Amino acid sequence: MEITFEKLPQAVTQLLDKLENIERLLLIKSNTPQPESDILLTIKQAAEILHLSVPTIYGLVQRAEVPVCKRGKRLYFSKQELTTWIMAGRKKTISEIEAEVSTYLPMRKKRGKL
């Protein structure tokens, strides 16, 4: 679009409208919660979060049952990975198991396996 002196007021109005839209979008973006950055924890902090003793944590590390990072002699735990690890051990409810069964059985019948 070519801007002439006659079209200048209209162009400024369009520019102001676009600027207001950008400001509105930035405000919306800044009000949305940002994902928590991953935090590294010491073994004592990990024990507090997991509600376990430090020797128990060492045992889990030795058996490679818990996600851990090791630098030299120090152990570091990712808060996000610990949370994911805990959630992976979640037991399903009866309704979740029944829902899985109801979706699995019709598929087996279609293949002629039953």
Protein backbone atom coordinates (compact mmCIF):
# COMPACT_ATOMS: atom_id res chain seq x y z
CA MET A 1 0.00 0.00 0.00
CA GLU A 2 1.39 3.34 -1.02
CA ILE A 3 0.99 6.02 1.62
CA THR A 4 0.19 9.45 0.30
CA PHE A 5 -0.47 12.64 2.24
CA GLU A 6 -4.20 12.13 1.81
CA LYS A 7 -4.03 8.55 3.15
CA LEU A 8 -1.78 9.44 6.10
CA PRO A 9 -4.54 9.76 8.74
CA GLN A 10 -6.00 6.40 7.71
CA ALA A 11 -2.53 4.75 7.79
CA VAL A 12 -1.85 6.15 11.28
CA THR A 13 -5.20 4.80 12.49
CA GLN A 14 -4.40 1.34 11.12
CA LEU A 15 -0.97 1.49 12.73
CA LEU A 16 -2.47 2.41 16.11
CA ASP A 17 -5.01 -0.43 15.86
CA LYS A 18 -2.26 -2.94 15.13
CA LEU A 19 -0.17 -1.59 18.00
CA GLU A 20 -3.11 -1.97 20.39
CA ASN A 21 -3.57 -5.57 19.24
CA ILE A 22 0.10 -6.29 19.87
CA GLU A 23 -0.11 -4.75 23.34
CA ARG A 24 -3.20 -6.82 24.13
CA LEU A 25 -1.52 -10.02 22.99
CA LEU A 26 1.58 -9.23 25.04
CA LEU A 27 -0.54 -8.65 28.14
CA ILE A 28 -2.35 -11.94 27.61
CA LYS A 29 0.97 -13.72 27.09
CA SER A 30 2.52 -12.21 30.22
CA ASN A 31 -0.50 -13.19 32.35
CA THR A 32 -0.36 -16.85 31.36
CA PRO A 33 1.73 -18.91 33.77
CA GLN A 34 5.07 -19.90 32.34
CA PRO A 35 6.24 -23.50 32.79
CA GLU A 36 8.43 -23.91 35.83
CA SER A 37 12.06 -24.23 34.88
CA ASP A 38 13.69 -27.40 36.06
CA ILE A 39 15.37 -27.19 39.44
CA LEU A 40 18.33 -29.30 40.47
CA LEU A 41 18.10 -30.72 43.95
CA THR A 42 20.65 -32.14 46.37
CA ILE A 43 20.09 -35.55 47.90
CA LYS A 44 18.71 -33.99 51.09
CA GLN A 45 16.22 -31.89 49.11
CA ALA A 46 15.20 -34.93 47.03
CA ALA A 47 14.68 -36.91 50.24
CA GLU A 48 12.43 -34.15 51.59
CA ILE A 49 10.35 -34.03 48.41
CA LEU A 50 9.99 -37.82 48.24
CA HIS A 51 9.45 -38.09 52.01
CA LEU A 52 12.20 -40.70 52.23
CA SER A 53 15.39 -40.88 54.23
CA VAL A 54 18.76 -40.07 52.65
CA PRO A 55 20.00 -43.70 53.00
CA THR A 56 16.85 -44.89 51.19
CA ILE A 57 17.60 -42.46 48.35
CA TYR A 58 21.16 -43.81 48.12
CA GLY A 59 19.69 -47.32 47.85
CA LEU A 60 17.36 -46.26 45.04
CA VAL A 61 20.29 -44.63 43.23
CA GLN A 62 22.43 -47.76 43.63
CA ARG A 63 19.66 -49.93 42.13
CA ALA A 64 19.11 -47.34 39.36
CA GLU A 65 15.44 -47.00 40.33
CA VAL A 66 15.38 -43.20 40.57
CA PRO A 67 16.50 -40.67 37.91
CA VAL A 68 19.76 -39.04 39.00
CA CYS A 69 22.68 -37.05 37.60
CA LYS A 70 26.15 -37.59 39.01
CA ARG A 71 29.05 -35.15 38.78
CA GLY A 72 32.12 -36.36 40.59
CA LYS A 73 30.96 -37.58 43.98
CA ARG A 74 27.84 -35.43 44.06
CA LEU A 75 24.33 -36.52 43.14
CA TYR A 76 21.80 -34.14 41.63
CA PHE A 77 18.11 -34.75 41.09
CA SER A 78 15.79 -32.97 38.68
CA LYS A 79 12.59 -31.89 40.43
CA GLN A 80 10.63 -32.39 37.22
CA GLU A 81 12.09 -35.89 36.66
CA LEU A 82 11.35 -36.88 40.26
CA THR A 83 7.75 -35.76 39.84
CA THR A 84 7.45 -37.72 36.59
CA TRP A 85 9.04 -40.76 38.26
CA ILE A 86 6.55 -40.60 41.12
CA MET A 87 3.60 -40.22 38.73
CA ALA A 88 4.79 -43.23 36.67
CA GLY A 89 4.05 -45.42 39.68
CA ARG A 90 0.44 -44.26 39.86
CA LYS A 91 -2.11 -47.05 40.10
CA LYS A 92 -5.10 -46.88 37.80
CA THR A 93 -8.61 -46.61 39.16
CA ILE A 94 -11.18 -49.32 38.50
CA SER A 95 -13.01 -47.08 36.05
CA GLU A 96 -9.76 -46.45 34.11
CA ILE A 97 -9.07 -50.19 33.93
CA GLU A 98 -12.64 -50.88 32.78
CA ALA A 99 -12.32 -48.19 30.10
CA GLU A 100 -9.12 -49.81 28.81
CA VAL A 101 -10.77 -53.22 28.75
CA SER A 102 -13.79 -51.89 26.88
CA THR A 103 -11.54 -50.42 24.17
CA TYR A 104 -9.19 -53.42 24.03
CA LEU A 105 -11.72 -56.27 23.77
CA PRO A 106 -13.55 -55.02 20.65
CA MET A 107 -10.19 -54.70 18.88
CA ARG A 108 -9.31 -58.30 19.79
CA LYS A 109 -12.68 -59.53 18.50
CA LYS A 110 -12.17 -57.77 15.16
CA ARG A 111 -8.88 -59.59 14.65
CA GLY A 112 -10.50 -62.94 15.48
CA LYS A 113 -8.21 -63.60 18.44
CA LEU A 114 -11.02 -64.49 20.90
